[in-house]
Amino acid sequence: MCIRWKSYKTLDFDERETVRADLRRQLEDQGVRLQEYCWVWDENDQCLLVTGTYERLKDAEQWITSLESLGFEIEIQTGLPGENPEAPGIHRGWDLERKT
C-alpha cells in the first residue's frame, strides 16, 4: 500500500528530494511519522511512499481509511515490483534497467 503523491516528471534528483520532503512534512503535520520511508514510483513517474505491506487487504483497511481521512491518496499494489519486468507497476531504484 502506498501514498500516491506528486509527479516526478522532468524533475532532477534534488527536485525529486524536495517532493519527498514535502510529503514527509505533510505526514508529520498530520501527526504521522513512519519508521522507514521507502520511496518507489510507477510507470507514470509518480512519487509513491510505501506505508505498509499486508497479506490481506482487510488487514490494511483501518490504515487506508485513516490516511484517506487525512487527505492522502492511497494506491494498492497486488504484486511485487520486479515479478514481471514487462508489466507496468511500481519500480524500485535498482530495477531501472528494464528490457523493452
Protein backbone atom coordinates (compact mmCIF):
# COMPACT_ATOMS: atom_id res chain seq x y z
CA MET A 1 0.00 0.00 0.00
CA CYS A 2 1.37 3.41 -0.99
CA ILE A 3 0.55 7.07 -0.68
CA ARG A 4 0.38 8.50 -4.20
CA TRP A 5 1.97 11.93 -4.29
CA LYS A 6 3.21 14.42 -6.87
CA SER A 7 4.75 13.72 -10.25
CA TYR A 8 8.48 13.30 -10.71
CA LYS A 9 8.29 14.04 -14.45
CA THR A 10 11.06 16.34 -15.69
CA LEU A 11 12.50 16.73 -12.17
CA ASP A 12 16.16 16.26 -11.33
CA PHE A 13 17.33 14.42 -8.20
CA ASP A 14 17.28 17.49 -5.92
CA GLU A 15 13.79 18.45 -7.11
CA ARG A 16 12.61 14.87 -6.50
CA GLU A 17 14.05 15.06 -3.00
CA THR A 18 12.03 18.26 -2.45
CA VAL A 19 8.87 16.36 -3.48
CA ARG A 20 9.70 13.60 -0.99
CA ALA A 21 10.46 16.13 1.79
CA ASP A 22 7.12 17.83 1.10
CA LEU A 23 5.26 14.55 1.63
CA ARG A 24 7.20 13.80 4.82
CA ARG A 25 6.27 17.27 6.12
CA GLN A 26 2.62 16.78 5.20
CA LEU A 27 2.54 13.48 7.08
CA GLU A 28 4.27 14.93 10.15
CA ASP A 29 1.89 17.92 10.15
CA GLN A 30 -0.92 15.35 10.46
CA GLY A 31 0.87 13.55 13.31
CA VAL A 32 2.07 10.62 11.18
CA ARG A 33 5.68 9.50 11.37
CA LEU A 34 6.79 6.30 9.68
CA GLN A 35 9.56 4.08 10.98
CA GLU A 36 11.01 3.84 7.45
CA TYR A 37 10.44 5.86 4.27
CA CYS A 38 10.55 3.56 1.26
CA TRP A 39 10.14 5.56 -1.97
CA VAL A 40 9.05 3.96 -5.22
CA TRP A 41 7.49 5.24 -8.43
CA ASP A 42 5.14 3.96 -11.09
CA GLU A 43 5.15 3.88 -14.87
CA ASN A 44 3.81 7.47 -14.90
CA ASP A 45 6.78 8.69 -12.82
CA GLN A 46 4.54 9.40 -9.84
CA CYS A 47 6.07 9.59 -6.35
CA LEU A 48 4.82 6.77 -4.15
CA LEU A 49 5.61 6.18 -0.48
CA VAL A 50 5.20 2.63 0.80
CA THR A 51 3.15 2.87 4.00
CA GLY A 52 2.69 -0.82 4.66
CA THR A 53 2.59 -4.32 3.25
CA TYR A 54 -0.20 -6.71 4.12
CA GLU A 55 -1.04 -10.23 3.15
CA ARG A 56 -4.76 -9.40 3.04
CA LEU A 57 -6.39 -6.10 2.08
CA LYS A 58 -8.73 -6.43 5.07
CA ASP A 59 -5.71 -6.10 7.38
CA ALA A 60 -4.92 -2.68 5.88
CA GLU A 61 -8.44 -1.22 5.81
CA GLN A 62 -8.16 0.84 9.00
CA TRP A 63 -4.80 2.35 7.95
CA ILE A 64 -6.19 3.11 4.47
CA THR A 65 -9.25 4.80 5.96
CA SER A 66 -7.10 6.82 8.37
CA LEU A 67 -4.70 8.07 5.68
CA GLU A 68 -7.55 8.90 3.28
CA SER A 69 -9.34 10.85 6.05
CA LEU A 70 -6.17 12.96 6.32
CA GLY A 71 -6.39 13.77 2.61
CA PHE A 72 -3.85 11.31 1.22
CA GLU A 73 -4.50 9.31 -1.94
CA ILE A 74 -3.81 5.61 -1.45
CA GLU A 75 -2.69 3.18 -4.13
CA ILE A 76 -2.81 -0.57 -3.64
CA GLN A 77 -0.33 -2.83 -5.42
CA THR A 78 -1.23 -6.51 -5.53
CA GLY A 79 2.04 -7.76 -7.00
CA LEU A 80 5.63 -7.32 -6.05
CA PRO A 81 7.82 -4.98 -8.10
CA GLY A 82 10.00 -6.94 -10.48
CA GLU A 83 7.81 -10.06 -10.51
CA ASN A 84 7.21 -9.46 -14.20
CA PRO A 85 9.67 -6.86 -15.54
CA GLU A 86 7.50 -6.30 -18.62
CA ALA A 87 4.38 -5.44 -16.60
CA PRO A 88 3.56 -1.90 -15.52
CA GLY A 89 3.58 -1.15 -11.81
CA ILE A 90 5.85 0.36 -9.24
CA HIS A 91 9.59 0.15 -9.78
CA ARG A 92 12.48 0.10 -7.34
CA GLY A 93 15.51 2.26 -7.93
CA TRP A 94 17.62 -0.82 -8.62
CA ASP A 95 15.15 -2.07 -11.31
CA LEU A 96 15.86 0.74 -13.74
CA GLU A 97 17.35 -1.47 -16.43
CA ARG A 98 14.15 -2.95 -17.80
CA LYS A 99 14.10 -4.74 -21.10
CA THR A 100 11.87 -3.14 -23.71
